Protein backbone atom coordinates (compact mmCIF):
# COMPACT_ATOMS: atom_id res chain seq x y z
CA UNK A 1 80.33 82.82 85.42
CA UNK A 2 77.73 80.08 84.96
CA UNK A 3 73.76 80.20 85.75
CA UNK A 4 74.56 78.67 89.23
CA UNK A 5 77.14 81.02 90.17
CA UNK A 6 74.99 84.07 89.14
CA UNK A 7 71.91 82.96 90.66
CA UNK A 8 72.81 84.12 94.24
CA UNK A 9 73.79 87.52 92.76
CA UNK A 10 70.35 88.00 91.28
CA UNK A 11 68.55 86.71 94.54
CA UNK A 12 70.50 89.22 96.56
CA UNK A 13 70.81 92.02 93.95
CA UNK A 14 70.83 94.51 97.05
CA UNK A 15 74.16 93.39 98.41
CA UNK A 16 75.65 96.79 97.46
CA UNK A 17 73.00 98.54 99.66
CA UNK A 18 73.95 96.12 102.73
CA UNK A 19 77.73 96.79 101.96
CA UNK A 20 77.27 100.63 101.87
CA UNK A 21 75.30 100.22 105.22
CA UNK A 22 78.22 98.39 106.61
CA UNK A 23 80.56 101.00 105.31
CA UNK A 24 78.33 103.97 106.78
CA UNK A 25 78.65 102.08 110.11
CA UNK A 26 82.29 102.09 109.96
CA UNK A 27 82.34 105.81 109.08
CA UNK A 28 80.19 106.65 111.84
CA UNK A 29 82.49 104.71 114.39
CA UNK A 30 85.55 106.42 112.73
CA UNK A 31 84.00 109.79 113.01
CA UNK A 32 83.05 109.25 116.72
CA UNK A 33 86.53 108.06 117.47
CA UNK A 34 88.00 111.21 115.73
CA UNK A 35 85.54 113.40 117.34
CA UNK A 36 85.67 112.09 120.89
CA UNK A 37 89.45 111.73 121.00
CA UNK A 38 90.83 114.24 123.49
CA UNK A 39 92.09 117.19 121.38
CA UNK A 40 95.10 117.79 123.51
CA UNK A 41 96.07 114.26 123.16
CA UNK A 42 99.82 114.18 121.64
CA UNK A 43 99.60 110.60 120.72
CA UNK A 44 97.63 109.89 117.73
CA UNK A 45 97.62 112.02 114.68
CA UNK A 46 95.25 111.65 111.67
CA UNK A 47 97.40 109.17 110.04
CA UNK A 48 97.59 107.01 113.16
CA UNK A 49 93.75 107.26 113.61
CA UNK A 50 93.07 106.07 110.07
CA UNK A 51 95.65 103.15 110.64
CA UNK A 52 93.73 102.45 113.73
CA UNK A 53 90.51 102.32 111.98
CA UNK A 54 91.76 99.82 109.21
CA UNK A 55 93.29 97.79 111.91
CA UNK A 56 89.92 97.39 113.56
CA UNK A 57 88.53 96.50 110.21
CA UNK A 58 90.62 93.65 110.00
CA UNK A 59 90.72 92.68 113.62
CA UNK A 60 86.88 92.52 113.84
CA UNK A 61 86.36 89.97 111.32
CA UNK A 62 89.45 87.97 112.26
CA UNK A 63 88.20 87.43 115.81
CA UNK A 64 84.90 86.46 114.32
CA UNK A 65 86.25 84.08 111.93
CA UNK A 66 88.51 82.66 114.53
CA UNK A 67 85.55 82.04 116.77
CA UNK A 68 83.40 80.55 113.87
CA UNK A 69 86.23 78.24 112.87
CA UNK A 70 86.93 76.97 116.47
CA UNK A 71 83.20 76.68 117.43
CA UNK A 72 81.03 75.17 114.64
CA UNK A 73 77.79 76.47 116.11
CA UNK A 74 79.04 79.88 116.28
CA UNK A 75 80.33 79.55 112.47
CA UNK A 76 77.07 78.30 111.36
CA UNK A 77 75.15 80.91 113.40
CA UNK A 78 77.35 83.51 111.61
CA UNK A 79 76.40 82.21 108.18
CA UNK A 80 80.38 81.46 107.66
CA UNK A 81 79.35 77.89 106.91
CA UNK A 82 76.18 76.31 105.69
CA UNK A 83 76.28 73.17 108.13
CA UNK A 84 78.72 71.18 110.09
CA UNK A 85 79.82 69.14 107.17
CA UNK A 86 80.78 72.45 105.34
CA UNK A 87 82.54 73.67 108.58
CA UNK A 88 84.78 70.57 108.52
CA UNK A 89 85.60 70.81 104.92
CA UNK A 90 85.99 74.72 104.73
CA UNK A 91 87.33 75.79 108.30
CA UNK A 92 91.10 75.14 107.47
CA UNK A 93 91.17 77.81 104.65
CA UNK A 94 88.62 80.08 106.44
CA UNK A 95 91.13 79.77 109.58
CA UNK A 96 94.06 80.85 107.70
CA UNK A 97 92.26 83.96 106.52
CA UNK A 98 91.05 84.87 109.82
CA UNK A 99 94.60 84.55 111.35
CA UNK A 100 95.92 86.67 108.32
CA UNK A 101 93.32 89.41 109.18
CA UNK A 102 94.48 89.46 112.89
CA UNK A 103 98.10 89.49 111.93
CA UNK A 104 97.47 92.48 109.71
CA UNK A 105 95.92 94.23 112.59
CA UNK A 106 98.75 93.56 114.86
CA UNK A 107 101.16 94.79 111.84
CA UNK A 108 99.36 98.06 112.01
CA UNK A 109 99.00 98.38 115.75
CA UNK A 110 102.96 97.62 115.95
CA UNK A 111 103.48 100.60 113.51
CA UNK A 112 101.37 102.97 115.65
CA UNK A 113 102.95 101.59 118.98
CA UNK A 114 106.42 102.78 117.52
CA UNK A 115 105.44 105.71 115.92
CA UNK A 116 103.82 108.15 117.05
CA UNK A 117 103.40 106.51 120.57
CA UNK A 118 106.98 105.59 121.13
CA UNK A 119 106.20 102.40 122.95
CA UNK A 120 108.48 100.42 120.66
CA UNK A 121 111.91 101.01 119.44
CA UNK A 122 112.08 101.52 115.74
CA UNK A 123 114.33 98.59 115.32
CA UNK A 124 112.15 96.19 117.37
CA UNK A 125 109.13 97.36 115.35
CA UNK A 126 110.90 96.89 112.11
CA UNK A 127 111.80 93.33 112.87
CA UNK A 128 108.59 92.48 114.28
CA UNK A 129 106.69 93.84 111.02
CA UNK A 130 108.99 91.71 108.96
CA UNK A 131 108.07 88.62 111.09
CA UNK A 132 104.39 89.36 110.93
CA UNK A 133 104.84 90.02 107.09
CA UNK A 134 106.42 86.75 106.71
CA UNK A 135 103.57 84.97 108.69
CA UNK A 136 100.94 86.67 106.47
CA UNK A 137 102.73 85.56 103.47
CA UNK A 138 102.80 81.98 104.77
CA UNK A 139 99.12 82.18 105.70
CA UNK A 140 98.26 83.45 102.14
CA UNK A 141 100.37 80.75 100.44
CA UNK A 142 98.53 78.24 102.60
CA UNK A 143 95.22 79.66 101.80
CA UNK A 144 96.18 79.57 98.10
CA UNK A 145 97.23 76.01 98.33
CA UNK A 146 93.79 75.04 99.71
CA UNK A 147 91.69 77.13 97.26
CA UNK A 148 89.64 75.50 94.69
CA UNK A 149 89.65 77.03 91.01
CA UNK A 150 86.64 79.26 91.70
CA UNK A 151 88.38 80.99 94.85
CA UNK A 152 91.71 81.38 92.95
CA UNK A 153 89.77 83.30 90.37
CA UNK A 154 88.08 85.38 92.80
CA UNK A 155 91.39 86.13 94.51
CA UNK A 156 93.01 87.23 91.08
CA UNK A 157 90.06 89.54 90.61
CA UNK A 158 90.48 90.79 94.09
CA UNK A 159 94.10 91.84 93.24
CA UNK A 160 93.07 93.70 90.08
CA UNK A 161 90.36 95.58 91.87
CA UNK A 162 92.81 96.45 94.74
CA UNK A 163 95.27 97.74 92.22
CA UNK A 164 92.61 100.25 91.05
CA UNK A 165 91.62 100.93 94.32
CA UNK A 166 95.11 102.07 95.27
CA UNK A 167 96.08 103.64 91.97
CA UNK A 168 93.14 105.95 91.57
CA UNK A 169 92.93 107.59 95.18
CA UNK A 170 96.85 107.32 95.47
CA UNK A 171 97.60 108.96 92.07
CA UNK A 172 95.01 111.77 92.54
CA UNK A 173 96.08 112.60 95.94
CA UNK A 174 99.85 112.81 94.77
CA UNK A 175 99.10 114.79 91.81
CA UNK A 176 97.36 117.19 94.12
CA UNK A 177 100.33 117.08 96.49
CA UNK A 178 102.84 117.62 93.74
CA UNK A 179 100.83 120.78 92.70
CA UNK A 180 100.98 121.98 96.33
CA UNK A 181 97.21 121.59 96.49
CA UNK A 182 97.20 119.15 99.43
CA UNK A 183 99.73 117.78 101.76
CA UNK A 184 101.24 114.42 100.65
CA UNK A 185 100.34 111.09 101.92
CA UNK A 186 102.50 109.99 104.86
CA UNK A 187 104.15 106.58 104.50
CA UNK A 188 101.75 105.19 107.14
CA UNK A 189 98.83 106.54 104.93
CA UNK A 190 99.97 104.53 102.07
CA UNK A 191 100.11 101.52 104.24
CA UNK A 192 96.76 102.11 105.35
CA UNK A 193 95.52 102.72 101.83
CA UNK A 194 97.06 99.59 100.39
CA UNK A 195 95.61 97.36 103.32
CA UNK A 196 92.26 98.95 103.18
CA UNK A 197 91.85 98.46 99.39
CA UNK A 198 92.90 94.94 99.73
CA UNK A 199 90.17 94.19 102.17
CA UNK A 200 87.68 96.00 100.23
CA UNK A 201 88.75 94.45 97.09
CA UNK A 202 88.29 91.01 98.44
CA UNK A 203 84.72 91.96 99.45
CA UNK A 204 83.99 93.15 95.94
CA UNK A 205 85.26 90.40 94.12
CA UNK A 206 83.68 87.90 96.43
CA UNK A 207 80.25 89.77 95.95
CA UNK A 208 80.63 89.91 92.30
CA UNK A 209 80.70 86.16 92.05
CA UNK A 210 77.44 86.09 94.13
CA UNK A 211 79.32 84.26 96.88
CA UNK A 212 78.45 86.53 99.77
CA UNK A 213 74.81 85.61 99.56
CA UNK A 214 73.17 87.07 102.97
CA UNK A 215 76.41 87.14 104.82
CA UNK A 216 76.70 90.87 104.86
């Protein structure tokens, strides 16, 4: 990292505090949903509620990114782009990322719709999730092709961070479950953990490069 790249990080050294504030806000929303959800509702269990929260974590920025990419004034107001020129230069890669976020949200919602809600047949949900996964893969490949060297390094760092964000809690929980100290993570829990870790890791890797500035 050179001096120019580290300067925003020094200028906005309290980004961790702002990120924690956003996380706390998400926790409050999650708690409120779990607390206010009817106790006799047979639909969503704890795993499904967590998956729903993760889907929301992807859907909200996905919608905002989509709006910012389609309406330049909105993108500049949301600090996604510095100016109209930056909007023209960067909207393609940003749009791919936003659509990818929305697709991941749909992916999780499809799983919830199939099980436990029973709104989709398992075979239909499986096929739809495969199609969504392929679409997300294509969006990721297109984003990578549009990235400059700096963004590719950020993406590589995010992959490493995501690995440890999955490894540490997943290993600890599985260890406790093996020793009969807790229930094991359900398949949907693993999916939620992997996707949540990927999103958090991208924020951490971007912030470490001082590239979030005042966007959070």
